[in-house]
C-alpha atoms as a PDB file:
ATOM      1  CA  MET A   1       0.051  -0.085  -0.185  1.00  0.00           C
ATOM      2  CA  THR A   2       0.960   3.730  -0.388  1.00  0.00           C
ATOM      3  CA  LEU A   3       0.296   6.690   1.775  1.00  0.00           C
ATOM      4  CA  THR A   4      -2.455   8.358   0.272  1.00  0.00           C
ATOM      5  CA  THR A   5      -5.553  10.555   1.348  1.00  0.00           C
ATOM      6  CA  LEU A   6      -8.939   9.434   2.114  1.00  0.00           C
ATOM      7  CA  PRO A   7     -11.247   9.482  -1.257  1.00  0.00           C
ATOM      8  CA  GLY A   8     -12.788  12.918  -1.187  1.00  0.00           C
ATOM      9  CA  PHE A   9     -10.628  14.634   1.241  1.00  0.00           C
ATOM     10  CA  GLN A  10      -9.108  18.158   0.157  1.00  0.00           C
ATOM     11  CA  SER A  11      -6.188  19.795   1.618  1.00  0.00           C
ATOM     12  CA  LEU A  12      -6.743  23.282   2.377  1.00  0.00           C
ATOM     13  CA  VAL A  13      -4.852  26.441   3.439  1.00  0.00           C
ATOM     14  CA  THR A  14      -6.149  27.597   6.631  1.00  0.00           C
ATOM     15  CA  HIS A  15      -5.743  30.292   9.290  1.00  0.00           C
ATOM     16  CA  HIS A  16      -6.203  28.737  12.691  1.00  0.00           C
ATOM     17  CA  CYS A  17      -5.613  25.178  13.659  1.00  0.00           C
ATOM     18  CA  VAL A  18      -9.147  24.468  15.281  1.00  0.00           C
ATOM     19  CA  THR A  19     -11.208  26.146  12.756  1.00  0.00           C
ATOM     20  CA  GLY A  20      -8.977  25.077   9.937  1.00  0.00           C
ATOM     21  CA  SER A  21      -9.341  21.363  10.924  1.00  0.00           C
ATOM     22  CA  GLN A  22     -13.002  21.866  11.509  1.00  0.00           C
ATOM     23  CA  LEU A  23     -13.133  23.367   7.908  1.00  0.00           C
ATOM     24  CA  HIS A  24     -11.306  20.328   6.508  1.00  0.00           C
ATOM     25  CA  ILE A  25     -13.957  18.206   8.127  1.00  0.00           C
ATOM     26  CA  TYR A  26     -16.909  20.148   6.944  1.00  0.00           C
ATOM     27  CA  THR A  27     -15.618  20.301   3.521  1.00  0.00           C
ATOM     28  CA  PHE A  28     -15.173  16.530   3.422  1.00  0.00           C
ATOM     29  CA  TYR A  29     -18.787  16.172   4.294  1.00  0.00           C
ATOM     30  CA  GLY A  30     -19.956  18.542   1.617  1.00  0.00           C
ATOM     31  CA  TYR A  31     -21.068  21.388   3.931  1.00  0.00           C
ATOM     32  CA  PRO A  32     -19.847  24.952   2.685  1.00  0.00           C
ATOM     33  CA  ILE A  33     -19.021  27.300   5.378  1.00  0.00           C
ATOM     34  CA  SER A  34     -16.218  29.727   5.938  1.00  0.00           C
ATOM     35  CA  GLU A  35     -13.458  29.243   8.714  1.00  0.00           C
ATOM     36  CA  GLU A  36     -14.339  32.727   9.945  1.00  0.00           C
ATOM     37  CA  MET A  37     -17.950  31.633  10.402  1.00  0.00           C
ATOM     38  CA  LEU A  38     -16.916  28.678  12.310  1.00  0.00           C
ATOM     39  CA  LEU A  39     -14.815  31.054  14.561  1.00  0.00           C
ATOM     40  CA  GLY A  40     -17.736  33.243  15.246  1.00  0.00           C
ATOM     41  CA  LEU A  41     -20.431  30.694  15.615  1.00  0.00           C
ATOM     42  CA  GLY A  42     -18.232  29.027  18.056  1.00  0.00           C
ATOM     43  CA  ALA A  43     -17.901  32.425  20.032  1.00  0.00           C
ATOM     44  CA  GLY A  44     -14.136  31.749  19.870  1.00  0.00           C
ATOM     45  CA  VAL A  45     -12.660  35.088  20.282  1.00  0.00           C
ATOM     46  CA  GLY A  46     -11.831  36.622  23.602  1.00  0.00           C
ATOM     47  CA  PHE A  47      -8.807  37.624  25.672  1.00  0.00           C
ATOM     48  CA  ILE A  48      -6.782  36.038  28.536  1.00  0.00           C
ATOM     49  CA  TYR A  49      -3.624  37.166  30.240  1.00  0.00           C
ATOM     50  CA  TRP A  50      -2.200  34.473  32.497  1.00  0.00           C
ATOM     51  CA  HIS A  51       0.952  34.373  34.524  1.00  0.00           C
ATOM     52  CA  MET A  52       1.330  31.426  36.956  1.00  0.00           C
ATOM     53  CA  LYS A  53       4.496  31.197  38.935  1.00  0.00           C
ATOM     54  CA  GLY A  54       7.228  29.188  37.394  1.00  0.00           C
ATOM     55  CA  THR A  55       5.675  29.630  33.837  1.00  0.00           C
ATOM     56  CA  LEU A  56       6.312  32.175  31.152  1.00  0.00           C
ATOM     57  CA  PRO A  57       3.254  34.839  30.926  1.00  0.00           C
ATOM     58  CA  PHE A  58       0.588  33.732  28.490  1.00  0.00           C
ATOM     59  CA  LEU A  59      -1.418  36.190  26.306  1.00  0.00           C
ATOM     60  CA  GLY A  60      -4.049  34.519  24.029  1.00  0.00           C
ATOM     61  CA  GLY A  61      -7.117  35.674  21.986  1.00  0.00           C
ATOM     62  CA  ARG A  62      -9.285  32.674  22.025  1.00  0.00           C
ATOM     63  CA  ALA A  63     -12.253  31.942  24.304  1.00  0.00           C
ATOM     64  CA  ASN A  64     -14.815  29.076  24.750  1.00  0.00           C
ATOM     65  CA  VAL A  65     -11.918  26.625  24.693  1.00  0.00           C
ATOM     66  CA  GLY A  66     -13.821  23.922  26.754  1.00  0.00           C
ATOM     67  CA  ARG A  67     -12.671  24.938  30.329  1.00  0.00           C
ATOM     68  CA  PRO A  68     -15.072  23.585  33.106  1.00  0.00           C
ATOM     69  CA  GLY A  69     -18.410  25.206  32.476  1.00  0.00           C
ATOM     70  CA  GLU A  70     -17.732  26.193  28.949  1.00  0.00           C
ATOM     71  CA  GLU A  71     -19.242  24.222  25.862  1.00  0.00           C
ATOM     72  CA  GLY A  72     -16.349  24.595  23.727  1.00  0.00           C
ATOM     73  CA  MET A  73     -16.069  26.297  20.374  1.00  0.00           C
ATOM     74  CA  GLU A  74     -16.053  23.219  18.439  1.00  0.00           C
ATOM     75  CA  LYS A  75     -19.180  21.947  20.009  1.00  0.00           C
ATOM     76  CA  ALA A  76     -20.714  25.463  19.765  1.00  0.00           C
ATOM     77  CA  ALA A  77     -20.108  25.845  16.202  1.00  0.00           C
ATOM     78  CA  GLY A  78     -21.585  22.344  15.500  1.00  0.00           C
ATOM     79  CA  ARG A  79     -24.693  23.105  17.507  1.00  0.00           C
ATOM     80  CA  ARG A  80     -25.358  26.337  15.668  1.00  0.00           C
ATOM     81  CA  THR A  81     -25.016  24.352  12.096  1.00  0.00           C
ATOM     82  CA  GLY A  82     -26.803  21.223  13.224  1.00  0.00           C
ATOM     83  CA  VAL A  83     -23.825  19.240  13.604  1.00  0.00           C
ATOM     84  CA  GLN A  84     -23.282  16.818  16.692  1.00  0.00           C
ATOM     85  CA  VAL A  85     -19.823  17.210  17.798  1.00  0.00           C
ATOM     86  CA  ASP A  86     -18.514  14.773  20.480  1.00  0.00           C
ATOM     87  CA  ILE A  87     -15.026  15.032  22.067  1.00  0.00           C
ATOM     88  CA  TYR A  88     -13.230  11.976  23.473  1.00  0.00           C
ATOM     89  CA  ARG A  89     -10.272  11.704  25.826  1.00  0.00           C
ATOM     90  CA  THR A  90      -8.054   8.897  27.232  1.00  0.00           C
ATOM     91  CA  ASN A  91      -4.938   8.220  29.060  1.00  0.00           C
ATOM     92  CA  SER A  92      -4.490   5.121  26.878  1.00  0.00           C
ATOM     93  CA  SER A  93      -2.353   5.446  23.835  1.00  0.00           C
ATOM     94  CA  ILE A  94      -3.596   1.949  22.712  1.00  0.00           C
ATOM     95  CA  LYS A  95      -7.099   3.038  22.844  1.00  0.00           C
ATOM     96  CA  ALA A  96      -6.612   6.474  21.098  1.00  0.00           C
ATOM     97  CA  GLU A  97      -4.501   4.627  18.352  1.00  0.00           C
ATOM     98  CA  LYS A  98      -7.396   2.004  17.865  1.00  0.00           C
ATOM     99  CA  ALA A  99     -10.165   4.452  17.614  1.00  0.00           C
ATOM    100  CA  LEU A 100      -7.967   6.543  15.131  1.00  0.00           C
ATOM    101  CA  LEU A 101      -7.128   3.538  12.784  1.00  0.00           C
ATOM    102  CA  ASP A 102     -10.924   2.271  13.125  1.00  0.00           C
ATOM    103  CA  MET A 103     -12.100   5.752  11.654  1.00  0.00           C
ATOM    104  CA  LEU A 104      -9.599   5.961   9.095  1.00  0.00           C
ATOM    105  CA  GLN A 105     -10.313   2.386   7.883  1.00  0.00           C
ATOM    106  CA  ALA A 106     -13.980   3.403   7.852  1.00  0.00           C
ATOM    107  CA  GLY A 107     -13.007   6.160   5.447  1.00  0.00           C
ATOM    108  CA  LYS A 108     -13.560   9.051   8.070  1.00  0.00           C
ATOM    109  CA  PRO A 109     -11.042  11.751   8.673  1.00  0.00           C
ATOM    110  CA  VAL A 110     -10.101  12.241  12.210  1.00  0.00           C
ATOM    111  CA  MET A 111      -9.686  15.465  13.878  1.00  0.00           C
ATOM    112  CA  MET A 112      -7.393  15.313  16.931  1.00  0.00           C
ATOM    113  CA  GLN A 113      -5.572  17.444  19.554  1.00  0.00           C
ATOM    114  CA  LEU A 114      -1.641  17.031  20.013  1.00  0.00           C
ATOM    115  CA  ASP A 115       1.371  18.790  20.944  1.00  0.00           C
ATOM    116  CA  MET A 116       2.937  20.408  18.069  1.00  0.00           C
ATOM    117  CA  GLY A 117       6.339  20.295  19.656  1.00  0.00           C
ATOM    118  CA  PHE A 118       6.477  16.579  18.810  1.00  0.00           C
ATOM    119  CA  LEU A 119       5.520  16.896  15.321  1.00  0.00           C
ATOM    120  CA  PRO A 120       8.486  16.182  13.061  1.00  0.00           C
ATOM    121  CA  TYR A 121       7.555  18.681  10.307  1.00  0.00           C
ATOM    122  CA  CYS A 122       7.295  21.651  12.755  1.00  0.00           C
ATOM    123  CA  ASP A 123      10.414  23.688  12.839  1.00  0.00           C
ATOM    124  CA  PHE A 124      11.066  25.898  15.806  1.00  0.00           C
ATOM    125  CA  GLY A 125      14.592  26.864  14.929  1.00  0.00           C
ATOM    126  CA  GLY A 126      16.395  24.322  16.885  1.00  0.00           C
ATOM    127  CA  GLN A 127      14.458  25.506  20.160  1.00  0.00           C
ATOM    128  CA  GLU A 128      12.257  23.414  22.194  1.00  0.00           C
ATOM    129  CA  TYR A 129       8.767  24.478  21.985  1.00  0.00           C
ATOM    130  CA  HIS A 130       5.581  22.811  23.285  1.00  0.00           C
ATOM    131  CA  PHE A 131       1.939  23.576  22.714  1.00  0.00           C
ATOM    132  CA  GLY A 132      -0.554  20.911  23.407  1.00  0.00           C
ATOM    133  CA  TYR A 133      -3.800  22.454  21.915  1.00  0.00           C
ATOM    134  CA  HIS A 134      -2.744  22.114  18.385  1.00  0.00           C
ATOM    135  CA  VAL A 135      -5.326  20.558  16.192  1.00  0.00           C
ATOM    136  CA  VAL A 136      -5.004  18.621  13.026  1.00  0.00           C
ATOM    137  CA  VAL A 137      -6.945  16.251  10.826  1.00  0.00           C
ATOM    138  CA  ALA A 138      -5.582  12.747  10.081  1.00  0.00           C
ATOM    139  CA  CYS A 139      -6.685  11.856   6.399  1.00  0.00           C
ATOM    140  CA  GLY A 140      -4.611   8.716   5.320  1.00  0.00           C
ATOM    141  CA  TYR A 141      -3.022   5.846   6.659  1.00  0.00           C
ATOM    142  CA  ASP A 142      -0.548   3.157   5.423  1.00  0.00           C
ATOM    143  CA  PRO A 143      -0.408   0.072   7.556  1.00  0.00           C
ATOM    144  CA  THR A 144       2.736  -1.171   5.896  1.00  0.00           C
ATOM    145  CA  THR A 145       4.919   2.055   6.984  1.00  0.00           C
ATOM    146  CA  ARG A 146       2.717   2.655   9.823  1.00  0.00           C
ATOM    147  CA  GLN A 147       2.575   6.362   8.796  1.00  0.00           C
ATOM    148  CA  VAL A 148      -0.468   8.598   9.009  1.00  0.00           C
ATOM    149  CA  LEU A 149      -1.138  11.559   6.926  1.00  0.00           C
ATOM    150  CA  LEU A 150      -1.872  14.925   8.637  1.00  0.00           C
ATOM    151  CA  ALA A 151      -3.576  17.953   7.170  1.00  0.00           C
ATOM    152  CA  ASP A 152      -2.409  21.077   9.138  1.00  0.00           C
ATOM    153  CA  ARG A 153      -2.710  24.921   8.360  1.00  0.00           C
ATOM    154  CA  ASP A 154      -0.519  24.530   4.986  1.00  0.00           C
ATOM    155  CA  LYS A 155      -1.372  22.987   1.710  1.00  0.00           C
ATOM    156  CA  ALA A 156       1.162  20.259   2.225  1.00  0.00           C
ATOM    157  CA  LEU A 157       0.077  16.824   3.832  1.00  0.00           C
ATOM    158  CA  HIS A 158       2.478  15.488   6.322  1.00  0.00           C
ATOM    159  CA  PRO A 159       3.376  11.932   6.935  1.00  0.00           C
ATOM    160  CA  VAL A 160       3.910  11.281  10.548  1.00  0.00           C
ATOM    161  CA  SER A 161       4.599   7.727  12.145  1.00  0.00           C
ATOM    162  CA  LEU A 162       2.334   6.170  14.649  1.00  0.00           C
ATOM    163  CA  GLU A 163       5.038   6.363  17.266  1.00  0.00           C
ATOM    164  CA  ALA A 164       5.627  10.028  16.942  1.00  0.00           C
ATOM    165  CA  LEU A 165       1.911  10.712  16.791  1.00  0.00           C
ATOM    166  CA  ALA A 166       1.434   8.813  19.970  1.00  0.00           C
ATOM    167  CA  GLN A 167       4.086  10.869  21.655  1.00  0.00           C
ATOM    168  CA  ALA A 168       2.470  14.252  20.487  1.00  0.00           C
ATOM    169  CA  ARG A 169      -1.076  13.018  21.384  1.00  0.00           C
ATOM    170  CA  GLY A 170       0.141  11.830  24.943  1.00  0.00           C
ATOM    171  CA  SER A 171       2.264  14.799  25.780  1.00  0.00           C
ATOM    172  CA  LYS A 172       2.149  15.951  29.459  1.00  0.00           C
ATOM    173  CA  TYR A 173       3.326  19.496  28.905  1.00  0.00           C
ATOM    174  CA  LYS A 174       1.320  22.036  30.387  1.00  0.00           C
ATOM    175  CA  PRO A 175      -0.979  24.143  30.085  1.00  0.00           C
ATOM    176  CA  PHE A 176      -2.780  22.322  27.451  1.00  0.00           C
ATOM    177  CA  PRO A 177      -1.867  18.484  27.695  1.00  0.00           C
ATOM    178  CA  PRO A 178      -3.748  17.042  24.768  1.00  0.00           C
ATOM    179  CA  GLN A 179      -4.902  13.763  26.557  1.00  0.00           C
ATOM    180  CA  HIS A 180      -5.160  12.047  23.229  1.00  0.00           C
ATOM    181  CA  ALA A 181      -8.294  14.008  22.451  1.00  0.00           C
ATOM    182  CA  TRP A 182     -10.195  13.309  19.285  1.00  0.00           C
ATOM    183  CA  TYR A 183     -13.589  14.419  17.750  1.00  0.00           C
ATOM    184  CA  THR A 184     -16.428  12.788  16.062  1.00  0.00           C
ATOM    185  CA  PHE A 185     -18.959  14.559  13.802  1.00  0.00           C
ATOM    186  CA  ASP A 186     -22.546  13.783  12.907  1.00  0.00           C
ATOM    187  CA  PHE A 187     -23.834  15.849   9.916  1.00  0.00           C
ATOM    188  CA  SER A 188     -27.228  14.000   9.610  1.00  0.00           C
ATOM    189  CA  GLN A 189     -29.088  17.269  10.706  1.00  0.00           C
ATOM    190  CA  ALA A 190     -26.662  19.855   9.363  1.00  0.00           C
ATOM    191  CA  HIS A 191     -28.068  23.140   8.349  1.00  0.00           C
ATOM    192  CA  PRO A 192     -26.913  26.683   7.595  1.00  0.00           C
ATOM    193  CA  PRO A 193     -26.708  28.890  10.577  1.00  0.00           C
ATOM    194  CA  GLU A 194     -29.910  30.928  11.247  1.00  0.00           C
ATOM    195  CA  PRO A 195     -29.737  34.597  11.933  1.00  0.00           C
ATOM    196  CA  ASP A 196     -30.702  33.955  15.645  1.00  0.00           C
ATOM    197  CA  GLU A 197     -27.841  31.565  16.046  1.00  0.00           C
ATOM    198  CA  ILE A 198     -25.190  34.221  14.699  1.00  0.00           C
ATOM    199  CA  ILE A 199     -26.696  36.814  17.179  1.00  0.00           C
ATOM    200  CA  GLN A 200     -26.391  34.522  20.059  1.00  0.00           C
ATOM    201  CA  SER A 201     -22.827  33.882  19.241  1.00  0.00           C
ATOM    202  CA  ILE A 202     -21.950  37.496  19.150  1.00  0.00           C
ATOM    203  CA  ARG A 203     -23.819  38.045  22.303  1.00  0.00           C
ATOM    204  CA  GLN A 204     -21.714  35.273  23.975  1.00  0.00           C
ATOM    205  CA  CYS A 205     -18.354  36.844  22.928  1.00  0.00           C
ATOM    206  CA  VAL A 206     -19.609  40.359  23.976  1.00  0.00           C
ATOM    207  CA  ALA A 207     -20.156  39.083  27.381  1.00  0.00           C
ATOM    208  CA  GLY A 208     -16.856  37.422  27.544  1.00  0.00           C
ATOM    209  CA  MET A 209     -15.153  40.795  26.479  1.00  0.00           C
ATOM    210  CA  LEU A 210     -17.279  43.261  28.690  1.00  0.00           C
ATOM    211  CA  THR A 211     -18.271  41.116  31.761  1.00  0.00           C
ATOM    212  CA  PRO A 212     -15.709  38.430  32.377  1.00  0.00           C
ATOM    213  CA  PRO A 213     -15.878  36.474  35.695  1.00  0.00           C
ATOM    214  CA  ILE A 214     -12.279  37.624  36.512  1.00  0.00           C
ATOM    215  CA  ARG A 215      -9.957  40.472  35.712  1.00  0.00           C
ATOM    216  CA  ASN A 216      -7.526  38.453  33.605  1.00  0.00           C
ATOM    217  CA  LEU A 217     -10.304  38.111  30.800  1.00  0.00           C
ATOM    218  CA  GLY A 218     -11.713  40.319  28.353  1.00  0.00           C
ATOM    219  CA  VAL A 219     -11.088  44.042  27.942  1.00  0.00           C
ATOM    220  CA  GLN A 220     -10.132  44.042  31.754  1.00  0.00           C
ATOM    221  CA  GLY A 221      -7.558  41.425  31.076  1.00  0.00           C
ATOM    222  CA  ILE A 222      -6.082  43.609  28.254  1.00  0.00           C
ATOM    223  CA  ARG A 223      -5.528  46.363  30.472  1.00  0.00           C
ATOM    224  CA  LYS A 224      -4.098  44.147  33.204  1.00  0.00           C
ATOM    225  CA  ALA A 225      -1.580  42.900  30.446  1.00  0.00           C
ATOM    226  CA  ALA A 226      -0.710  46.432  29.639  1.00  0.00           C
ATOM    227  CA  GLN A 227      -0.185  46.975  33.379  1.00  0.00           C
ATOM    228  CA  ALA A 228       1.838  43.849  33.905  1.00  0.00           C
ATOM    229  CA  MET A 229       4.249  43.761  30.947  1.00  0.00           C
ATOM    230  CA  PRO A 230       6.660  46.598  32.185  1.00  0.00           C
ATOM    231  CA  LYS A 231       7.149  44.252  35.226  1.00  0.00           C
ATOM    232  CA  TRP A 232       8.296  41.277  33.181  1.00  0.00           C
ATOM    233  CA  PRO A 233      12.036  42.439  33.061  1.00  0.00           C
ATOM    234  CA  ILE A 234      12.077  42.587  36.834  1.00  0.00           C
ATOM    235  CA  LEU A 235      10.368  39.141  37.157  1.00  0.00           C
ATOM    236  CA  MET A 236      12.421  37.302  34.561  1.00  0.00           C
ATOM    237  CA  ASP A 237      15.913  36.887  33.632  1.00  0.00           C
ATOM    238  CA  GLU A 238      17.148  37.775  30.221  1.00  0.00           C
ATOM    239  CA  LYS A 239      16.621  34.413  28.574  1.00  0.00           C
ATOM    240  CA  ALA A 240      13.018  34.172  29.946  1.00  0.00           C
ATOM    241  CA  LEU A 241      12.200  37.719  28.959  1.00  0.00           C
ATOM    242  CA  ARG A 242      13.367  37.067  25.499  1.00  0.00           C
ATOM    243  CA  ASP A 243      11.386  33.811  25.312  1.00  0.00           C
ATOM    244  CA  THR A 244       8.196  35.602  26.515  1.00  0.00           C
ATOM    245  CA  TYR A 245       8.528  38.288  23.923  1.00  0.00           C
ATOM    246  CA  ILE A 246       8.898  36.059  20.999  1.00  0.00           C
ATOM    247  CA  ASN A 247       6.199  33.581  22.294  1.00  0.00           C
ATOM    248  CA  THR A 248       3.673  36.291  22.805  1.00  0.00           C
ATOM    249  CA  CYS A 249       4.646  37.699  19.421  1.00  0.00           C
ATOM    250  CA  ILE A 250       3.702  34.493  17.666  1.00  0.00           C
ATOM    251  CA  MET A 251       0.595  34.122  19.709  1.00  0.00           C
ATOM    252  CA  ILE A 252      -0.535  37.299  18.284  1.00  0.00           C
ATOM    253  CA  ASP A 253       0.374  37.335  14.609  1.00  0.00           C
ATOM    254  CA  ALA A 254      -0.611  34.923  11.705  1.00  0.00           C
ATOM    255  CA  ARG A 255       2.333  32.622  12.335  1.00  0.00           C
ATOM    256  CA  GLY A 256       0.837  31.348  15.519  1.00  0.00           C
ATOM    257  CA  GLY A 257      -2.588  30.504  13.593  1.00  0.00           C
ATOM    258  CA  THR A 258      -4.574  33.507  14.739  1.00  0.00           C
ATOM    259  CA  GLY A 259      -5.072  34.541  11.231  1.00  0.00           C
ATOM    260  CA  GLY A 260      -3.306  37.830  12.331  1.00  0.00           C
ATOM    261  CA  GLY A 261      -4.081  40.433  14.965  1.00  0.00           C
ATOM    262  CA  LEU A 262      -5.061  38.021  17.660  1.00  0.00           C
ATOM    263  CA  PHE A 263      -7.948  36.500  15.756  1.00  0.00           C
ATOM    264  CA  ARG A 264      -9.402  39.825  15.243  1.00  0.00           C
ATOM    265  CA  ALA A 265      -8.879  39.952  11.553  1.00  0.00           C
ATOM    266  CA  MET A 266     -10.875  36.696  11.345  1.00  0.00           C
ATOM    267  CA  TYR A 267     -13.616  37.868  13.453  1.00  0.00           C
ATOM    268  CA  GLY A 268     -13.838  41.166  11.679  1.00  0.00           C
ATOM    269  CA  ARG A 269     -14.569  39.093   8.530  1.00  0.00           C
ATOM    270  CA  PHE A 270     -16.984  36.847  10.313  1.00  0.00           C
ATOM    271  CA  LEU A 271     -18.918  40.215  11.184  1.00  0.00           C
ATOM    272  CA  SER A 272     -19.073  41.345   7.640  1.00  0.00           C
ATOM    273  CA  GLU A 273     -20.566  37.763   6.974  1.00  0.00           C
ATOM    274  CA  ALA A 274     -22.858  38.130   9.820  1.00  0.00           C
ATOM    275  CA  ALA A 275     -24.139  41.587   8.472  1.00  0.00           C
ATOM    276  CA  ILE A 276     -25.113  39.879   5.112  1.00  0.00           C
ATOM    277  CA  LEU A 277     -26.941  36.849   6.895  1.00  0.00           C
ATOM    278  CA  THR A 278     -28.805  38.803   9.399  1.00  0.00           C
ATOM    279  CA  GLY A 279     -29.345  42.089   7.757  1.00  0.00           C
ATOM    280  CA  GLN A 280     -27.769  44.037  10.419  1.00  0.00           C
ATOM    281  CA  ASP A 281     -25.532  46.612   8.869  1.00  0.00           C
ATOM    282  CA  GLY A 282     -24.060  47.626  12.209  1.00  0.00           C
ATOM    283  CA  PHE A 283     -22.183  44.353  12.221  1.00  0.00           C
ATOM    284  CA  ARG A 284     -20.352  45.434   8.987  1.00  0.00           C
ATOM    285  CA  GLU A 285     -18.965  48.632  10.622  1.00  0.00           C
ATOM    286  CA  ALA A 286     -18.098  46.700  13.735  1.00  0.00           C
ATOM    287  CA  GLY A 287     -16.275  44.380  11.542  1.00  0.00           C
ATOM    288  CA  ASN A 288     -14.336  47.107   9.731  1.00  0.00           C
ATOM    289  CA  GLN A 289     -13.332  48.704  13.163  1.00  0.00           C
ATOM    290  CA  MET A 290     -12.084  45.008  14.437  1.00  0.00           C
ATOM    291  CA  LEU A 291      -9.849  44.785  11.293  1.00  0.00           C
ATOM    292  CA  ARG A 292      -8.404  48.105  12.228  1.00  0.00           C
ATOM    293  CA  ILE A 293      -7.823  46.843  15.917  1.00  0.00           C
ATOM    294  CA  ALA A 294      -6.270  43.751  14.283  1.00  0.00           C
ATOM    295  CA  ASP A 295      -3.633  46.021  12.695  1.00  0.00           C
ATOM    296  CA  ARG A 296      -2.712  47.314  16.097  1.00  0.00           C
ATOM    297  CA  TRP A 297      -2.368  43.841  17.629  1.00  0.00           C
ATOM    298  CA  ASP A 298      -0.008  43.253  14.963  1.00  0.00           C
ATOM    299  CA  SER A 299       1.767  46.242  15.903  1.00  0.00           C
ATOM    300  CA  VAL A 300       2.250  45.020  19.257  1.00  0.00           C
ATOM    301  CA  ALA A 301       3.467  41.816  17.947  1.00  0.00           C
ATOM    302  CA  GLY A 302       6.026  43.793  15.972  1.00  0.00           C
ATOM    303  CA  CYS A 303       7.171  45.857  19.142  1.00  0.00           C
ATOM    304  CA  LEU A 304       7.692  42.574  20.966  1.00  0.00           C
ATOM    305  CA  GLU A 305       9.799  40.983  18.203  1.00  0.00           C
ATOM    306  CA  ARG A 306      11.934  44.072  18.011  1.00  0.00           C
ATOM    307  CA  ALA A 307      12.275  43.757  21.922  1.00  0.00           C
ATOM    308  CA  TYR A 308      13.317  40.264  21.352  1.00  0.00           C
ATOM    309  CA  GLN A 309      16.139  41.326  19.215  1.00  0.00           C
ATOM    310  CA  ALA A 310      17.123  44.245  20.964  1.00  0.00           C
ATOM    311  CA  PRO A 311      20.529  44.421  22.817  1.00  0.00           C
ATOM    312  CA  ASP A 312      18.616  45.294  26.054  1.00  0.00           C
ATOM    313  CA  PRO A 313      15.324  43.712  25.945  1.00  0.00           C
ATOM    314  CA  ALA A 314      14.319  45.255  29.269  1.00  0.00           C
ATOM    315  CA  GLN A 315      14.381  48.821  27.565  1.00  0.00           C
ATOM    316  CA  ALA A 316      12.145  47.989  24.703  1.00  0.00           C
ATOM    317  CA  ILE A 317       8.673  47.195  25.898  1.00  0.00           C
ATOM    318  CA  ASN A 318       7.060  50.627  26.505  1.00  0.00           C
ATOM    319  CA  GLU A 319       5.753  50.929  23.092  1.00  0.00           C
ATOM    320  CA  ALA A 320       3.802  47.664  23.193  1.00  0.00           C
ATOM    321  CA  CYS A 321       2.229  48.564  26.496  1.00  0.00           C
ATOM    322  CA  THR A 322       1.099  51.963  25.112  1.00  0.00           C
ATOM    323  CA  ILE A 323      -0.539  50.209  22.052  1.00  0.00           C
ATOM    324  CA  LEU A 324      -2.121  47.705  24.287  1.00  0.00           C
ATOM    325  CA  THR A 325      -3.755  50.489  26.471  1.00  0.00           C
ATOM    326  CA  GLU A 326      -5.161  52.136  23.289  1.00  0.00           C
ATOM    327  CA  ILE A 327      -6.534  48.721  22.133  1.00  0.00           C
ATOM    328  CA  ALA A 328      -8.330  47.972  25.343  1.00  0.00           C
ATOM    329  CA  THR A 329     -10.163  51.378  24.716  1.00  0.00           C
ATOM    330  CA  GLN A 330     -10.747  50.412  21.257  1.00  0.00           C
ATOM    331  CA  GLU A 331     -12.053  46.942  21.618  1.00  0.00           C
ATOM    332  CA  GLU A 332     -14.319  48.280  24.608  1.00  0.00           C
ATOM    333  CA  SER A 333     -15.960  50.592  22.190  1.00  0.00           C
ATOM    334  CA  VAL A 334     -16.535  48.044  19.457  1.00  0.00           C
ATOM    335  CA  TRP A 335     -17.639  45.383  21.806  1.00  0.00           C
ATOM    336  CA  LYS A 336     -20.272  47.917  23.402  1.00  0.00           C
ATOM    337  CA  SER A 337     -21.410  48.750  19.930  1.00  0.00           C
ATOM    338  CA  LEU A 338     -22.087  44.964  19.284  1.00  0.00           C
ATOM    339  CA  GLN A 339     -23.885  44.886  22.737  1.00  0.00           C
ATOM    340  CA  GLN A 340     -26.198  47.471  21.629  1.00  0.00           C
ATOM    341  CA  ILE A 341     -27.152  45.589  18.485  1.00  0.00           C
ATOM    342  CA  VAL A 342     -27.417  42.006  19.954  1.00  0.00           C
ATOM    343  CA  GLY A 343     -29.009  43.168  23.183  1.00  0.00           C
END
């Protein structure tokens, strides 16, 4: 046998690993939808600033990631398109591998979570890097070579051995150990999203940004990050500081799978689609504002990359903090304008 894709599977260039993997699955089953719409319907945009003792600071733009009490973006987008999405986790690599191969042999592509630091095709410039909430789609298998084909965000398909895949799926690295997670999809009741479902998803994001349960989230979280960043040089040695700068930069710009601007560019385009599907012209203007905010987020990423490269990284952080403070004000304004529309 040779390592080929499942019949009917298309490899796509995508922005974000989760919505991109969902798009691969939706496309395989003949359901036309944009990656931006999946992100929006899943209420997948927010903000978090987190800095636990003994770890590097984390700044992220995703929301509804399936924490306790959250439905999770994948299930929410599925529910709002009539697709039943179930997530399975196990501590057993044997059980996870069997489920994977059973689905592939049945002709079904498999969306799964893993640590990208163990993927042989990922290049981190010789540095060790781990992120366990990376999502890909397995779309082919050769039992002779024991290799699986993976569809990621690029057009290429990547052969990976079952041994390397088991290591990536079973990674223990925090804060997102993948736990061999995989997803199943039932498209028997699939339907285009209704205007009410789109509005509900926007309302969910608005609440997360304007009235978060803790100050590390939402607009408050952006302001907290702006206040915390000047303290980074005091709290960390030079290596940790430079690592934090470049990690945060990548988490913001398109290289890290955000679609640019910490997911704000994708969400801006979602709002433009939402304006057409709901007839609410206010969504279009909010979307345009969100695209401009995305550019400001990319400016923060640029500042952090320059600070990473600077002879004295401690002296190069002020511009990023100033822009972050401006972004908080701009985001608060656009989320409030959306709140007025969706109620």
